Each structure stands twice: as structure tokens, then as C-alpha cells.
Amino acid sequence: MNALGMIAKVTTLLLCLSVSQWSWGVGEVEENPSALAMTTDALIVRPVMIATTIVGSALWLVSAPFSLMGGNADQAADTLIVGPAESAFKRCLGCIGDGYKRGNMTE
């Protein structure tokens, strides 16, 4: 299997997992991730989601004229940019769902 094929499969898997995470909503998290979950999140998942955000931004820019004509530019931006960015930056390290730990939430 070539490297490009492997990257495509891993990205697809992570996007599928991220879609299920987005449906859970954002808020307080009651998870206690293990050291392995935190390490995997920091070394693999977050960099992939940041790269997905960058690629999604480029795809949105290319598709923006068509999205604007179709009236769904906001939906395209949410799907291609905001979703991956929230998955990368808006959850505790090693957590599956979006949100923050109780002690880290600001009022």
C-alpha cells in the first residue's frame, strides 16, 4: 500500500469519527482519558485535524463561487472549516467529545 493511500484512509477514518463527535454537541466533558489516549490525540489526531482544517479551507475557497450561487456557503464553511477546527482546538486532550473539563470552563 502506498503512503498516499494510507494517508487517505486515515484521514477518512478520522473525519468519520469527527462527524460523530460533532453531533454530541459542545459543553462540559466528564471524561478521564488515559495517557495513551492523550498521547495519540496529541501526536496523531490533532495534527491530522489541523491539516484537515487547512485542506478544508482551500477546498472551501475553490468551491466558494459555487456555494455562493447555491446559497449554502455558510453550510460549506461549517462542514469544511469550522467542524475540523473545533475538533482540533475545542476539546480536552484525549477526550472524544467536544468541550472542556469542568475546572477549565470559563463563565
C-alpha atoms as a PDB file:
ATOM      1  CA  MET A   1       0.000   0.000   0.000  1.00  0.00           C
ATOM      2  CA  ASN A   2       1.427   3.362  -0.921  1.00  0.00           C
ATOM      3  CA  ALA A   3       1.767   6.219   1.544  1.00  0.00           C
ATOM      4  CA  LEU A   4      -0.830   8.399  -0.172  1.00  0.00           C
ATOM      5  CA  GLY A   5      -3.436   5.643   0.053  1.00  0.00           C
ATOM      6  CA  MET A   6      -2.698   5.150   3.746  1.00  0.00           C
ATOM      7  CA  ILE A   7      -2.985   8.889   4.439  1.00  0.00           C
ATOM      8  CA  ALA A   8      -6.305   8.993   2.593  1.00  0.00           C
ATOM      9  CA  LYS A   9      -7.678   6.071   4.627  1.00  0.00           C
ATOM     10  CA  VAL A  10      -6.548   7.531   7.957  1.00  0.00           C
ATOM     11  CA  THR A  11      -7.983  10.946   7.066  1.00  0.00           C
ATOM     12  CA  THR A  12     -11.292   9.369   6.061  1.00  0.00           C
ATOM     13  CA  LEU A  13     -11.448   7.401   9.292  1.00  0.00           C
ATOM     14  CA  LEU A  14     -10.697  10.473  11.389  1.00  0.00           C
ATOM     15  CA  LEU A  15     -13.287  12.527   9.534  1.00  0.00           C
ATOM     16  CA  CYS A  16     -15.900   9.839  10.152  1.00  0.00           C
ATOM     17  CA  LEU A  17     -15.031   9.824  13.845  1.00  0.00           C
ATOM     18  CA  SER A  18     -15.116  13.612  13.930  1.00  0.00           C
ATOM     19  CA  VAL A  19     -18.582  13.734  12.385  1.00  0.00           C
ATOM     20  CA  SER A  20     -19.903  11.582  15.225  1.00  0.00           C
ATOM     21  CA  GLN A  21     -18.137  13.854  17.730  1.00  0.00           C
ATOM     22  CA  TRP A  22     -19.780  16.991  16.303  1.00  0.00           C
ATOM     23  CA  SER A  23     -23.224  15.501  16.787  1.00  0.00           C
ATOM     24  CA  TRP A  24     -22.628  15.179  20.538  1.00  0.00           C
ATOM     25  CA  GLY A  25     -22.511  18.949  20.966  1.00  0.00           C
ATOM     26  CA  VAL A  26     -20.185  21.267  22.803  1.00  0.00           C
ATOM     27  CA  GLY A  27     -20.168  21.679  26.541  1.00  0.00           C
ATOM     28  CA  GLU A  28     -18.819  20.210  29.702  1.00  0.00           C
ATOM     29  CA  VAL A  29     -16.899  16.960  29.412  1.00  0.00           C
ATOM     30  CA  GLU A  30     -16.917  14.243  32.044  1.00  0.00           C
ATOM     31  CA  GLU A  31     -14.186  12.069  30.572  1.00  0.00           C
ATOM     32  CA  ASN A  32     -10.974  10.796  32.114  1.00  0.00           C
ATOM     33  CA  PRO A  33      -8.770   9.947  29.131  1.00  0.00           C
ATOM     34  CA  SER A  34      -5.826   7.619  29.601  1.00  0.00           C
ATOM     35  CA  ALA A  35      -2.213   8.515  28.913  1.00  0.00           C
ATOM     36  CA  LEU A  36      -2.384   6.531  25.669  1.00  0.00           C
ATOM     37  CA  ALA A  37      -5.476   8.456  24.549  1.00  0.00           C
ATOM     38  CA  MET A  38      -3.787  11.776  25.324  1.00  0.00           C
ATOM     39  CA  THR A  39      -0.572  10.784  23.547  1.00  0.00           C
ATOM     40  CA  THR A  40      -2.428   9.530  20.479  1.00  0.00           C
ATOM     41  CA  ASP A  41      -4.525  12.678  20.430  1.00  0.00           C
ATOM     42  CA  ALA A  42      -1.504  14.981  20.714  1.00  0.00           C
ATOM     43  CA  LEU A  43       0.732  13.177  18.210  1.00  0.00           C
ATOM     44  CA  ILE A  44      -1.731  11.907  15.595  1.00  0.00           C
ATOM     45  CA  VAL A  45      -5.304  13.175  15.830  1.00  0.00           C
ATOM     46  CA  ARG A  46      -4.716  16.899  16.447  1.00  0.00           C
ATOM     47  CA  PRO A  47      -2.137  17.323  13.650  1.00  0.00           C
ATOM     48  CA  VAL A  48      -4.419  15.462  11.226  1.00  0.00           C
ATOM     49  CA  MET A  49      -7.403  17.625  12.185  1.00  0.00           C
ATOM     50  CA  ILE A  50      -5.321  20.795  11.798  1.00  0.00           C
ATOM     51  CA  ALA A  51      -4.251  19.585   8.348  1.00  0.00           C
ATOM     52  CA  THR A  52      -7.889  18.772   7.573  1.00  0.00           C
ATOM     53  CA  THR A  53      -8.837  22.326   8.566  1.00  0.00           C
ATOM     54  CA  ILE A  54      -6.195  23.732   6.210  1.00  0.00           C
ATOM     55  CA  VAL A  55      -7.238  21.463   3.329  1.00  0.00           C
ATOM     56  CA  GLY A  56     -10.908  22.226   4.058  1.00  0.00           C
ATOM     57  CA  SER A  57     -10.140  25.941   3.890  1.00  0.00           C
ATOM     58  CA  ALA A  58      -8.542  25.503   0.477  1.00  0.00           C
ATOM     59  CA  LEU A  59     -11.475  23.385  -0.739  1.00  0.00           C
ATOM     60  CA  TRP A  60     -13.944  25.952   0.553  1.00  0.00           C
ATOM     61  CA  LEU A  61     -12.079  28.728  -1.225  1.00  0.00           C
ATOM     62  CA  VAL A  62     -12.182  26.796  -4.504  1.00  0.00           C
ATOM     63  CA  SER A  63     -15.855  25.914  -4.086  1.00  0.00           C
ATOM     64  CA  ALA A  64     -16.934  29.321  -2.726  1.00  0.00           C
ATOM     65  CA  PRO A  65     -18.276  30.686  -6.036  1.00  0.00           C
ATOM     66  CA  PHE A  66     -20.456  27.592  -6.488  1.00  0.00           C
ATOM     67  CA  SER A  67     -21.554  27.588  -2.848  1.00  0.00           C
ATOM     68  CA  LEU A  68     -22.471  31.259  -3.051  1.00  0.00           C
ATOM     69  CA  MET A  69     -24.549  30.634  -6.188  1.00  0.00           C
ATOM     70  CA  GLY A  70     -26.204  27.681  -4.490  1.00  0.00           C
ATOM     71  CA  GLY A  71     -26.868  29.610  -1.293  1.00  0.00           C
ATOM     72  CA  ASN A  72     -25.050  27.228   1.020  1.00  0.00           C
ATOM     73  CA  ALA A  73     -21.711  28.984   1.602  1.00  0.00           C
ATOM     74  CA  ASP A  74     -22.270  29.009   5.379  1.00  0.00           C
ATOM     75  CA  GLN A  75     -23.027  25.298   5.448  1.00  0.00           C
ATOM     76  CA  ALA A  76     -19.940  24.564   3.341  1.00  0.00           C
ATOM     77  CA  ALA A  77     -17.761  26.664   5.664  1.00  0.00           C
ATOM     78  CA  ASP A  78     -19.176  24.903   8.730  1.00  0.00           C
ATOM     79  CA  THR A  79     -18.513  21.485   7.247  1.00  0.00           C
ATOM     80  CA  LEU A  80     -15.114  22.108   5.679  1.00  0.00           C
ATOM     81  CA  ILE A  81     -13.543  24.567   8.140  1.00  0.00           C
ATOM     82  CA  VAL A  82     -15.383  25.045  11.426  1.00  0.00           C
ATOM     83  CA  GLY A  83     -16.044  21.373  12.189  1.00  0.00           C
ATOM     84  CA  PRO A  84     -12.447  20.176  11.830  1.00  0.00           C
ATOM     85  CA  ALA A  85     -11.157  23.278  13.642  1.00  0.00           C
ATOM     86  CA  GLU A  86     -13.463  22.638  16.592  1.00  0.00           C
ATOM     87  CA  SER A  87     -12.348  19.016  16.686  1.00  0.00           C
ATOM     88  CA  ALA A  88      -8.720  20.132  16.732  1.00  0.00           C
ATOM     89  CA  PHE A  89      -8.966  23.020  19.206  1.00  0.00           C
ATOM     90  CA  LYS A  90     -12.185  22.775  21.209  1.00  0.00           C
ATOM     91  CA  ARG A  91     -11.879  19.615  23.269  1.00  0.00           C
ATOM     92  CA  CYS A  92      -9.719  18.405  26.103  1.00  0.00           C
ATOM     93  CA  LEU A  93      -6.610  16.381  25.287  1.00  0.00           C
ATOM     94  CA  GLY A  94      -7.579  12.756  24.755  1.00  0.00           C
ATOM     95  CA  CYS A  95     -11.330  13.389  25.018  1.00  0.00           C
ATOM     96  CA  ILE A  96     -13.684  12.114  22.359  1.00  0.00           C
ATOM     97  CA  GLY A  97     -16.440  14.716  22.664  1.00  0.00           C
ATOM     98  CA  ASP A  98     -16.081  18.451  22.152  1.00  0.00           C
ATOM     99  CA  GLY A  99     -15.867  20.615  25.248  1.00  0.00           C
ATOM    100  CA  TYR A 100     -13.683  21.279  28.255  1.00  0.00           C
ATOM    101  CA  LYS A 101     -13.192  19.808  31.684  1.00  0.00           C
ATOM    102  CA  ARG A 102     -15.298  21.291  34.463  1.00  0.00           C
ATOM    103  CA  GLY A 103     -12.360  23.073  36.121  1.00  0.00           C
ATOM    104  CA  ASN A 104     -11.218  24.656  32.830  1.00  0.00           C
ATOM    105  CA  MET A 105     -14.534  26.177  31.785  1.00  0.00           C
ATOM    106  CA  THR A 106     -14.865  29.949  31.966  1.00  0.00           C
ATOM    107  CA  GLU A 107     -18.103  31.656  32.771  1.00  0.00           C
END
